[in-house]
Amino acid sequence: MTEKIRLLVKMDIDSAQIRITAQGHLTSRSLHELYGVVSRANTLMQGASLEIDVSGASVDASAMEALRRCSQSHHLPYLTDSRQSEVNFSIRSSADAVMAV
């Protein structure tokens, strides 16, 4: 499995939905790249339903925990978004997703 993270963004403007699909290996380091994409998507379509799908990625436990904290707080880390804009997103993972430790 590759150590890189690949992100695919799908935006449905008519139904105000955004899905960001991650593949590869999501680590605490690559999580910052994902945050940047989430921030840009949120800026383009504020108020849209945003879903992050990590079911096809290998996700480090620390990265998943950080992602969950952001989802619960509705804010990205300050270094990613100094304005601390509200961002609402859900996380899709599955039992098939490999949790790396």
PDB file of N, CA and C in Angstrom:
ATOM      1  N   MET A   1       0.845  -1.181   0.000  1.00  0.00           N
ATOM      2  CA  MET A   1       0.000   0.000   0.000  1.00  0.00           C
ATOM      3  C   MET A   1       0.887   1.240   0.000  1.00  0.00           C
ATOM      4  N   THR A   2       0.461   2.212  -0.736  1.00  0.00           N
ATOM      5  CA  THR A   2       1.225   3.451  -0.849  1.00  0.00           C
ATOM      6  C   THR A   2       1.143   4.269   0.431  1.00  0.00           C
ATOM      7  N   GLU A   3       2.192   4.997   0.721  1.00  0.00           N
ATOM      8  CA  GLU A   3       2.214   5.878   1.885  1.00  0.00           C
ATOM      9  C   GLU A   3       1.539   7.209   1.584  1.00  0.00           C
ATOM     10  N   LYS A   4       1.248   7.462   0.317  1.00  0.00           N
ATOM     11  CA  LYS A   4       0.617   8.725  -0.059  1.00  0.00           C
ATOM     12  C   LYS A   4      -0.886   8.658   0.145  1.00  0.00           C
ATOM     13  N   ILE A   5      -1.476   9.816   0.314  1.00  0.00           N
ATOM     14  CA  ILE A   5      -2.924   9.914   0.398  1.00  0.00           C
ATOM     15  C   ILE A   5      -3.418  10.513  -0.918  1.00  0.00           C
ATOM     16  N   ARG A   6      -4.464   9.930  -1.460  1.00  0.00           N
ATOM     17  CA  ARG A   6      -5.093  10.457  -2.671  1.00  0.00           C
ATOM     18  C   ARG A   6      -6.488  10.916  -2.291  1.00  0.00           C
ATOM     19  N   LEU A   7      -6.856  12.099  -2.725  1.00  0.00           N
ATOM     20  CA  LEU A   7      -8.160  12.663  -2.389  1.00  0.00           C
ATOM     21  C   LEU A   7      -8.931  12.980  -3.661  1.00  0.00           C
ATOM     22  N   LEU A   8     -10.183  12.574  -3.674  1.00  0.00           N
ATOM     23  CA  LEU A   8     -11.077  12.868  -4.781  1.00  0.00           C
ATOM     24  C   LEU A   8     -12.245  13.671  -4.225  1.00  0.00           C
ATOM     25  N   VAL A   9     -12.502  14.822  -4.820  1.00  0.00           N
ATOM     26  CA  VAL A   9     -13.586  15.688  -4.356  1.00  0.00           C
ATOM     27  C   VAL A   9     -14.696  15.671  -5.389  1.00  0.00           C
ATOM     28  N   LYS A  10     -15.903  15.347  -4.938  1.00  0.00           N
ATOM     29  CA  LYS A  10     -17.081  15.393  -5.796  1.00  0.00           C
ATOM     30  C   LYS A  10     -18.047  16.398  -5.196  1.00  0.00           C
ATOM     31  N   MET A  11     -18.455  17.361  -6.004  1.00  0.00           N
ATOM     32  CA  MET A  11     -19.377  18.403  -5.543  1.00  0.00           C
ATOM     33  C   MET A  11     -20.637  18.361  -6.389  1.00  0.00           C
ATOM     34  N   ASP A  12     -21.774  18.262  -5.734  1.00  0.00           N
ATOM     35  CA  ASP A  12     -23.070  18.333  -6.411  1.00  0.00           C
ATOM     36  C   ASP A  12     -23.688  19.668  -6.020  1.00  0.00           C
ATOM     37  N   ILE A  13     -23.587  20.617  -6.909  1.00  0.00           N
ATOM     38  CA  ILE A  13     -24.037  21.972  -6.614  1.00  0.00           C
ATOM     39  C   ILE A  13     -25.543  22.038  -6.446  1.00  0.00           C
ATOM     40  N   ASP A  14     -26.282  21.283  -7.252  1.00  0.00           N
ATOM     41  CA  ASP A  14     -27.742  21.315  -7.176  1.00  0.00           C
ATOM     42  C   ASP A  14     -28.269  20.847  -5.825  1.00  0.00           C
ATOM     43  N   SER A  15     -27.677  19.785  -5.280  1.00  0.00           N
ATOM     44  CA  SER A  15     -28.163  19.269  -4.000  1.00  0.00           C
ATOM     45  C   SER A  15     -27.283  19.705  -2.822  1.00  0.00           C
ATOM     46  N   ALA A  16     -26.303  20.572  -3.077  1.00  0.00           N
ATOM     47  CA  ALA A  16     -25.410  21.116  -2.035  1.00  0.00           C
ATOM     48  C   ALA A  16     -24.756  20.000  -1.221  1.00  0.00           C
ATOM     49  N   GLN A  17     -24.128  19.059  -1.937  1.00  0.00           N
ATOM     50  CA  GLN A  17     -23.444  17.955  -1.277  1.00  0.00           C
ATOM     51  C   GLN A  17     -22.008  17.864  -1.782  1.00  0.00           C
ATOM     52  N   ILE A  18     -21.118  17.580  -0.849  1.00  0.00           N
ATOM     53  CA  ILE A  18     -19.701  17.406  -1.176  1.00  0.00           C
ATOM     54  C   ILE A  18     -19.244  16.092  -0.553  1.00  0.00           C
ATOM     55  N   ARG A  19     -18.552  15.290  -1.340  1.00  0.00           N
ATOM     56  CA  ARG A  19     -17.939  14.068  -0.806  1.00  0.00           C
ATOM     57  C   ARG A  19     -16.457  14.111  -1.132  1.00  0.00           C
ATOM     58  N   ILE A  20     -15.645  13.935  -0.104  1.00  0.00           N
ATOM     59  CA  ILE A  20     -14.200  13.837  -0.263  1.00  0.00           C
ATOM     60  C   ILE A  20     -13.834  12.392   0.049  1.00  0.00           C
ATOM     61  N   THR A  21     -13.314  11.689  -0.952  1.00  0.00           N
ATOM     62  CA  THR A  21     -12.951  10.284  -0.794  1.00  0.00           C
ATOM     63  C   THR A  21     -11.439  10.182  -0.672  1.00  0.00           C
ATOM     64  N   ALA A  22     -10.990   9.520   0.391  1.00  0.00           N
ATOM     65  CA  ALA A  22      -9.559   9.339   0.633  1.00  0.00           C
ATOM     66  C   ALA A  22      -9.166   7.905   0.336  1.00  0.00           C
ATOM     67  N   GLN A  23      -8.048   7.753  -0.333  1.00  0.00           N
ATOM     68  CA  GLN A  23      -7.466   6.433  -0.586  1.00  0.00           C
ATOM     69  C   GLN A  23      -5.988   6.521  -0.274  1.00  0.00           C
ATOM     70  N   GLY A  24      -5.418   5.386   0.058  1.00  0.00           N
ATOM     71  CA  GLY A  24      -4.007   5.364   0.420  1.00  0.00           C
ATOM     72  C   GLY A  24      -3.874   5.283   1.926  1.00  0.00           C
ATOM     73  N   HIS A  25      -2.882   5.970   2.469  1.00  0.00           N
ATOM     74  CA  HIS A  25      -2.574   5.905   3.900  1.00  0.00           C
ATOM     75  C   HIS A  25      -2.770   7.279   4.521  1.00  0.00           C
ATOM     76  N   LEU A  26      -3.767   7.385   5.399  1.00  0.00           N
ATOM     77  CA  LEU A  26      -4.050   8.649   6.083  1.00  0.00           C
ATOM     78  C   LEU A  26      -3.336   8.641   7.428  1.00  0.00           C
ATOM     79  N   THR A  27      -2.383   9.549   7.559  1.00  0.00           N
ATOM     80  CA  THR A  27      -1.594   9.664   8.786  1.00  0.00           C
ATOM     81  C   THR A  27      -1.815  11.045   9.389  1.00  0.00           C
ATOM     82  N   SER A  28      -1.269  11.270  10.561  1.00  0.00           N
ATOM     83  CA  SER A  28      -1.353  12.599  11.172  1.00  0.00           C
ATOM     84  C   SER A  28      -0.721  13.650  10.260  1.00  0.00           C
ATOM     85  N   ARG A  29       0.300  13.265   9.551  1.00  0.00           N
ATOM     86  CA  ARG A  29       0.980  14.200   8.646  1.00  0.00           C
ATOM     87  C   ARG A  29       0.129  14.502   7.398  1.00  0.00           C
ATOM     88  N   SER A  30      -0.433  13.466   6.782  1.00  0.00           N
ATOM     89  CA  SER A  30      -1.235  13.683   5.575  1.00  0.00           C
ATOM     90  C   SER A  30      -2.610  14.256   5.899  1.00  0.00           C
ATOM     91  N   LEU A  31      -3.006  14.176   7.153  1.00  0.00           N
ATOM     92  CA  LEU A  31      -4.289  14.724   7.585  1.00  0.00           C
ATOM     93  C   LEU A  31      -4.356  16.227   7.318  1.00  0.00           C
ATOM     94  N   HIS A  32      -3.228  16.907   7.418  1.00  0.00           N
ATOM     95  CA  HIS A  32      -3.192  18.353   7.164  1.00  0.00           C
ATOM     96  C   HIS A  32      -3.539  18.672   5.711  1.00  0.00           C
ATOM     97  N   GLU A  33      -3.170  17.787   4.791  1.00  0.00           N
ATOM     98  CA  GLU A  33      -3.544  17.962   3.389  1.00  0.00           C
ATOM     99  C   GLU A  33      -5.058  17.824   3.240  1.00  0.00           C
ATOM    100  N   LEU A  34      -5.618  16.834   3.923  1.00  0.00           N
ATOM    101  CA  LEU A  34      -7.071  16.637   3.898  1.00  0.00           C
ATOM    102  C   LEU A  34      -7.781  17.854   4.477  1.00  0.00           C
ATOM    103  N   TYR A  35      -7.278  18.380   5.582  1.00  0.00           N
ATOM    104  CA  TYR A  35      -7.872  19.585   6.180  1.00  0.00           C
ATOM    105  C   TYR A  35      -7.901  20.743   5.187  1.00  0.00           C
ATOM    106  N   GLY A  36      -6.827  20.902   4.419  1.00  0.00           N
ATOM    107  CA  GLY A  36      -6.771  21.976   3.428  1.00  0.00           C
ATOM    108  C   GLY A  36      -7.854  21.832   2.369  1.00  0.00           C
ATOM    109  N   VAL A  37      -8.092  20.599   1.924  1.00  0.00           N
ATOM    110  CA  VAL A  37      -9.134  20.336   0.927  1.00  0.00           C
ATOM    111  C   VAL A  37     -10.516  20.575   1.533  1.00  0.00           C
ATOM    112  N   VAL A  38     -10.716  20.146   2.777  1.00  0.00           N
ATOM    113  CA  VAL A  38     -11.993  20.379   3.462  1.00  0.00           C
ATOM    114  C   VAL A  38     -12.251  21.876   3.590  1.00  0.00           C
ATOM    115  N   SER A  39     -11.232  22.632   3.949  1.00  0.00           N
ATOM    116  CA  SER A  39     -11.374  24.076   4.100  1.00  0.00           C
ATOM    117  C   SER A  39     -11.763  24.735   2.777  1.00  0.00           C
ATOM    118  N   ARG A  40     -11.107  24.348   1.694  1.00  0.00           N
ATOM    119  CA  ARG A  40     -11.426  24.918   0.379  1.00  0.00           C
ATOM    120  C   ARG A  40     -12.836  24.559  -0.058  1.00  0.00           C
ATOM    121  N   ALA A  41     -13.227  23.303   0.152  1.00  0.00           N
ATOM    122  CA  ALA A  41     -14.579  22.865  -0.221  1.00  0.00           C
ATOM    123  C   ALA A  41     -15.625  23.617   0.588  1.00  0.00           C
ATOM    124  N   ASN A  42     -15.364  23.812   1.865  1.00  0.00           N
ATOM    125  CA  ASN A  42     -16.288  24.535   2.731  1.00  0.00           C
ATOM    126  C   ASN A  42     -16.415  25.992   2.302  1.00  0.00           C
ATOM    127  N   THR A  43     -15.333  26.584   1.855  1.00  0.00           N
ATOM    128  CA  THR A  43     -15.355  27.965   1.380  1.00  0.00           C
ATOM    129  C   THR A  43     -16.168  28.081   0.089  1.00  0.00           C
ATOM    130  N   LEU A  44     -16.012  27.103  -0.801  1.00  0.00           N
ATOM    131  CA  LEU A  44     -16.732  27.138  -2.076  1.00  0.00           C
ATOM    132  C   LEU A  44     -18.235  26.955  -1.915  1.00  0.00           C
ATOM    133  N   MET A  45     -18.623  26.078  -0.982  1.00  0.00           N
ATOM    134  CA  MET A  45     -20.047  25.764  -0.816  1.00  0.00           C
ATOM    135  C   MET A  45     -20.410  25.769   0.672  1.00  0.00           C
ATOM    136  N   GLN A  46     -20.400  26.939   1.279  1.00  0.00           N
ATOM    137  CA  GLN A  46     -20.742  27.028   2.700  1.00  0.00           C
ATOM    138  C   GLN A  46     -22.156  26.523   2.932  1.00  0.00           C
ATOM    139  N   GLY A  47     -22.308  25.747   3.993  1.00  0.00           N
ATOM    140  CA  GLY A  47     -23.610  25.198   4.331  1.00  0.00           C
ATOM    141  C   GLY A  47     -23.928  23.897   3.630  1.00  0.00           C
ATOM    142  N   ALA A  48     -23.025  23.431   2.767  1.00  0.00           N
ATOM    143  CA  ALA A  48     -23.261  22.173   2.053  1.00  0.00           C
ATOM    144  C   ALA A  48     -23.077  20.989   3.002  1.00  0.00           C
ATOM    145  N   SER A  49     -23.701  19.887   2.664  1.00  0.00           N
ATOM    146  CA  SER A  49     -23.508  18.636   3.382  1.00  0.00           C
ATOM    147  C   SER A  49     -22.163  18.066   2.935  1.00  0.00           C
ATOM    148  N   LEU A  50     -21.215  17.954   3.862  1.00  0.00           N
ATOM    149  CA  LEU A  50     -19.863  17.523   3.527  1.00  0.00           C
ATOM    150  C   LEU A  50     -19.588  16.174   4.186  1.00  0.00           C
ATOM    151  N   GLU A  51     -19.167  15.210   3.382  1.00  0.00           N
ATOM    152  CA  GLU A  51     -18.845  13.876   3.888  1.00  0.00           C
ATOM    153  C   GLU A  51     -17.418  13.525   3.509  1.00  0.00           C
ATOM    154  N   ILE A  52     -16.673  12.998   4.479  1.00  0.00           N
ATOM    155  CA  ILE A  52     -15.322  12.504   4.226  1.00  0.00           C
ATOM    156  C   ILE A  52     -15.380  10.987   4.296  1.00  0.00           C
ATOM    157  N   ASP A  53     -15.080  10.340   3.188  1.00  0.00           N
ATOM    158  CA  ASP A  53     -15.149   8.886   3.081  1.00  0.00           C
ATOM    159  C   ASP A  53     -13.739   8.313   3.175  1.00  0.00           C
ATOM    160  N   VAL A  54     -13.443   7.663   4.296  1.00  0.00           N
ATOM    161  CA  VAL A  54     -12.134   7.049   4.493  1.00  0.00           C
ATOM    162  C   VAL A  54     -12.230   5.524   4.454  1.00  0.00           C
ATOM    163  N   SER A  55     -13.352   5.017   3.967  1.00  0.00           N
ATOM    164  CA  SER A  55     -13.556   3.560   3.957  1.00  0.00           C
ATOM    165  C   SER A  55     -12.566   2.828   3.057  1.00  0.00           C
ATOM    166  N   GLY A  56     -11.983   3.513   2.090  1.00  0.00           N
ATOM    167  CA  GLY A  56     -11.026   2.886   1.196  1.00  0.00           C
ATOM    168  C   GLY A  56      -9.583   3.214   1.533  1.00  0.00           C
ATOM    169  N   ALA A  57      -9.347   3.745   2.728  1.00  0.00           N
ATOM    170  CA  ALA A  57      -7.995   4.147   3.119  1.00  0.00           C
ATOM    171  C   ALA A  57      -7.546   3.387   4.353  1.00  0.00           C
ATOM    172  N   SER A  58      -6.250   3.281   4.496  1.00  0.00           N
ATOM    173  CA  SER A  58      -5.661   2.796   5.734  1.00  0.00           C
ATOM    174  C   SER A  58      -5.497   4.030   6.619  1.00  0.00           C
ATOM    175  N   VAL A  59      -6.106   4.022   7.797  1.00  0.00           N
ATOM    176  CA  VAL A  59      -6.146   5.220   8.634  1.00  0.00           C
ATOM    177  C   VAL A  59      -5.454   4.951   9.963  1.00  0.00           C
ATOM    178  N   ASP A  60      -4.425   5.743  10.264  1.00  0.00           N
ATOM    179  CA  ASP A  60      -3.786   5.641  11.574  1.00  0.00           C
ATOM    180  C   ASP A  60      -4.788   6.046  12.648  1.00  0.00           C
ATOM    181  N   ALA A  61      -4.723   5.386  13.791  1.00  0.00           N
ATOM    182  CA  ALA A  61      -5.656   5.671  14.888  1.00  0.00           C
ATOM    183  C   ALA A  61      -5.589   7.136  15.316  1.00  0.00           C
ATOM    184  N   SER A  62      -4.394   7.711  15.361  1.00  0.00           N
ATOM    185  CA  SER A  62      -4.254   9.115  15.788  1.00  0.00           C
ATOM    186  C   SER A  62      -4.895  10.065  14.772  1.00  0.00           C
ATOM    187  N   ALA A  63      -4.799   9.734  13.489  1.00  0.00           N
ATOM    188  CA  ALA A  63      -5.412  10.563  12.455  1.00  0.00           C
ATOM    189  C   ALA A  63      -6.930  10.487  12.539  1.00  0.00           C
ATOM    190  N   MET A  64      -7.469   9.293  12.779  1.00  0.00           N
ATOM    191  CA  MET A  64      -8.924   9.141  12.889  1.00  0.00           C
ATOM    192  C   MET A  64      -9.445   9.898  14.105  1.00  0.00           C
ATOM    193  N   GLU A  65      -8.736   9.827  15.204  1.00  0.00           N
ATOM    194  CA  GLU A  65      -9.160  10.534  16.414  1.00  0.00           C
ATOM    195  C   GLU A  65      -9.154  12.050  16.182  1.00  0.00           C
ATOM    196  N   ALA A  66      -8.125  12.555  15.529  1.00  0.00           N
ATOM    197  CA  ALA A  66      -8.061  13.991  15.238  1.00  0.00           C
ATOM    198  C   ALA A  66      -9.188  14.413  14.297  1.00  0.00           C
ATOM    199  N   LEU A  67      -9.478  13.587  13.321  1.00  0.00           N
ATOM    200  CA  LEU A  67     -10.560  13.873  12.378  1.00  0.00           C
ATOM    201  C   LEU A  67     -11.907  13.888  13.105  1.00  0.00           C
ATOM    202  N   ARG A  68     -12.104  12.947  13.997  1.00  0.00           N
ATOM    203  CA  ARG A  68     -13.349  12.907  14.782  1.00  0.00           C
ATOM    204  C   ARG A  68     -13.489  14.128  15.681  1.00  0.00           C
ATOM    205  N   ARG A  69     -12.389  14.568  16.293  1.00  0.00           N
ATOM    206  CA  ARG A  69     -12.446  15.765  17.148  1.00  0.00           C
ATOM    207  C   ARG A  69     -12.871  16.983  16.334  1.00  0.00           C
ATOM    208  N   CYS A  70     -12.342  17.113  15.128  1.00  0.00           N
ATOM    209  CA  CYS A  70     -12.713  18.242  14.269  1.00  0.00           C
ATOM    210  C   CYS A  70     -14.188  18.162  13.875  1.00  0.00           C
ATOM    211  N   SER A  71     -14.642  16.966  13.583  1.00  0.00           N
ATOM    212  CA  SER A  71     -16.038  16.783  13.209  1.00  0.00           C
ATOM    213  C   SER A  71     -16.959  17.173  14.366  1.00  0.00           C
ATOM    214  N   GLN A  72     -16.579  16.809  15.577  1.00  0.00           N
ATOM    215  CA  GLN A  72     -17.401  17.117  16.750  1.00  0.00           C
ATOM    216  C   GLN A  72     -17.354  18.599  17.121  1.00  0.00           C
ATOM    217  N   SER A  73     -16.200  19.228  16.939  1.00  0.00           N
ATOM    218  CA  SER A  73     -16.060  20.642  17.317  1.00  0.00           C
ATOM    219  C   SER A  73     -16.549  21.587  16.221  1.00  0.00           C
ATOM    220  N   HIS A  74     -16.712  21.064  14.998  1.00  0.00           N
ATOM    221  CA  HIS A  74     -17.132  21.856  13.832  1.00  0.00           C
ATOM    222  C   HIS A  74     -16.085  22.902  13.429  1.00  0.00           C
ATOM    223  N   HIS A  75     -14.820  22.625  13.758  1.00  0.00           N
ATOM    224  CA  HIS A  75     -13.729  23.529  13.389  1.00  0.00           C
ATOM    225  C   HIS A  75     -12.506  22.719  12.991  1.00  0.00           C
ATOM    226  N   LEU A  76     -11.773  23.229  12.023  1.00  0.00           N
ATOM    227  CA  LEU A  76     -10.499  22.633  11.633  1.00  0.00           C
ATOM    228  C   LEU A  76      -9.416  23.210  12.542  1.00  0.00           C
ATOM    229  N   PRO A  77      -8.250  22.583  12.602  1.00  0.00           N
ATOM    230  CA  PRO A  77      -7.170  23.124  13.430  1.00  0.00           C
ATOM    231  C   PRO A  77      -6.829  24.564  13.044  1.00  0.00           C
ATOM    232  N   TYR A  78      -6.412  25.337  14.019  1.00  0.00           N
ATOM    233  CA  TYR A  78      -6.108  26.755  13.821  1.00  0.00           C
ATOM    234  C   TYR A  78      -5.081  26.975  12.712  1.00  0.00           C
ATOM    235  N   LEU A  79      -4.071  26.128  12.620  1.00  0.00           N
ATOM    236  CA  LEU A  79      -3.039  26.296  11.587  1.00  0.00           C
ATOM    237  C   LEU A  79      -3.599  26.126  10.184  1.00  0.00           C
ATOM    238  N   THR A  80      -4.689  25.381  10.049  1.00  0.00           N
ATOM    239  CA  THR A  80      -5.340  25.202   8.752  1.00  0.00           C
ATOM    240  C   THR A  80      -6.313  26.331   8.474  1.00  0.00           C
ATOM    241  N   ASP A  81      -7.059  26.735   9.501  1.00  0.00           N
ATOM    242  CA  ASP A  81      -8.090  27.760   9.341  1.00  0.00           C
ATOM    243  C   ASP A  81      -8.028  28.732  10.511  1.00  0.00           C
ATOM    244  N   SER A  82      -7.241  29.774  10.364  1.00  0.00           N
ATOM    245  CA  SER A  82      -7.069  30.743  11.450  1.00  0.00           C
ATOM    246  C   SER A  82      -8.352  31.523  11.726  1.00  0.00           C
ATOM    247  N   ARG A  83      -9.273  31.571  10.760  1.00  0.00           N
ATOM    248  CA  ARG A  83     -10.555  32.250  10.970  1.00  0.00           C
ATOM    249  C   ARG A  83     -11.504  31.414  11.813  1.00  0.00           C
ATOM    250  N   GLN A  84     -11.194  30.126  11.940  1.00  0.00           N
ATOM    251  CA  GLN A  84     -12.022  29.181  12.688  1.00  0.00           C
ATOM    252  C   GLN A  84     -13.469  29.191  12.205  1.00  0.00           C
ATOM    253  N   SER A  85     -13.622  29.125  10.886  1.00  0.00           N
ATOM    254  CA  SER A  85     -14.951  29.043  10.269  1.00  0.00           C
ATOM    255  C   SER A  85     -15.620  27.742  10.687  1.00  0.00           C
ATOM    256  N   GLU A  86     -16.934  27.793  10.805  1.00  0.00           N
ATOM    257  CA  GLU A  86     -17.664  26.575  11.137  1.00  0.00           C
ATOM    258  C   GLU A  86     -17.677  25.661   9.923  1.00  0.00           C
ATOM    259  N   VAL A  87     -17.348  24.409  10.156  1.00  0.00           N
ATOM    260  CA  VAL A  87     -17.373  23.407   9.093  1.00  0.00           C
ATOM    261  C   VAL A  87     -18.044  22.154   9.658  1.00  0.00           C
ATOM    262  N   ASN A  88     -19.093  21.730   8.996  1.00  0.00           N
ATOM    263  CA  ASN A  88     -19.838  20.555   9.427  1.00  0.00           C
ATOM    264  C   ASN A  88     -19.587  19.422   8.448  1.00  0.00           C
ATOM    265  N   PHE A  89     -19.015  18.342   8.948  1.00  0.00           N
ATOM    266  CA  PHE A  89     -18.784  17.196   8.080  1.00  0.00           C
ATOM    267  C   PHE A  89     -18.999  15.906   8.845  1.00  0.00           C
ATOM    268  N   SER A  90     -19.357  14.887   8.088  1.00  0.00           N
ATOM    269  CA  SER A  90     -19.489  13.544   8.653  1.00  0.00           C
ATOM    270  C   SER A  90     -18.345  12.699   8.101  1.00  0.00           C
ATOM    271  N   ILE A  91     -18.051  11.628   8.810  1.00  0.00           N
ATOM    272  CA  ILE A  91     -16.974  10.719   8.416  1.00  0.00           C
ATOM    273  C   ILE A  91     -17.593   9.369   8.089  1.00  0.00           C
ATOM    274  N   ARG A  92     -17.294   8.871   6.909  1.00  0.00           N
ATOM    275  CA  ARG A  92     -17.758   7.538   6.527  1.00  0.00           C
ATOM    276  C   ARG A  92     -16.562   6.593   6.567  1.00  0.00           C
ATOM    277  N   SER A  93     -16.716   5.575   7.370  1.00  0.00           N
ATOM    278  CA  SER A  93     -15.701   4.514   7.406  1.00  0.00           C
ATOM    279  C   SER A  93     -16.494   3.204   7.439  1.00  0.00           C
ATOM    280  N   SER A  94     -15.829   2.131   7.208  1.00  0.00           N
ATOM    281  CA  SER A  94     -16.537   0.852   7.226  1.00  0.00           C
ATOM    282  C   SER A  94     -15.713  -0.182   7.972  1.00  0.00           C
ATOM    283  N   ALA A  95     -16.344  -1.279   8.273  1.00  0.00           N
ATOM    284  CA  ALA A  95     -15.638  -2.380   8.937  1.00  0.00           C
ATOM    285  C   ALA A  95     -14.544  -2.914   8.028  1.00  0.00           C
ATOM    286  N   ASP A  96     -14.674  -2.653   6.712  1.00  0.00           N
ATOM    287  CA  ASP A  96     -13.675  -3.112   5.762  1.00  0.00           C
ATOM    288  C   ASP A  96     -12.429  -2.232   5.774  1.00  0.00           C
ATOM    289  N   ALA A  97     -12.555  -1.016   6.316  1.00  0.00           N
ATOM    290  CA  ALA A  97     -11.406  -0.113   6.344  1.00  0.00           C
ATOM    291  C   ALA A  97     -10.353  -0.680   7.294  1.00  0.00           C
ATOM    292  N   VAL A  98      -9.122  -0.625   6.857  1.00  0.00           N
ATOM    293  CA  VAL A  98      -8.012  -1.142   7.663  1.00  0.00           C
ATOM    294  C   VAL A  98      -7.543  -0.034   8.581  1.00  0.00           C
ATOM    295  N   MET A  99      -7.596  -0.281   9.869  1.00  0.00           N
ATOM    296  CA  MET A  99      -7.106   0.691  10.846  1.00  0.00           C
ATOM    297  C   MET A  99      -5.653   0.355  11.148  1.00  0.00           C
ATOM    298  N   ALA A 100      -4.746   1.203  10.740  1.00  0.00           N
ATOM    299  CA  ALA A 100      -3.323   0.986  10.988  1.00  0.00           C
ATOM    300  C   ALA A 100      -2.972   1.496  12.386  1.00  0.00           C
ATOM    301  N   VAL A 101      -1.999   0.887  13.005  1.00  0.00           N
ATOM    302  CA  VAL A 101      -1.575   1.348  14.341  1.00  0.00           C
ATOM    303  C   VAL A 101      -0.157   1.814  14.354  1.00  0.00           C
TER     304      VAL A 101
END
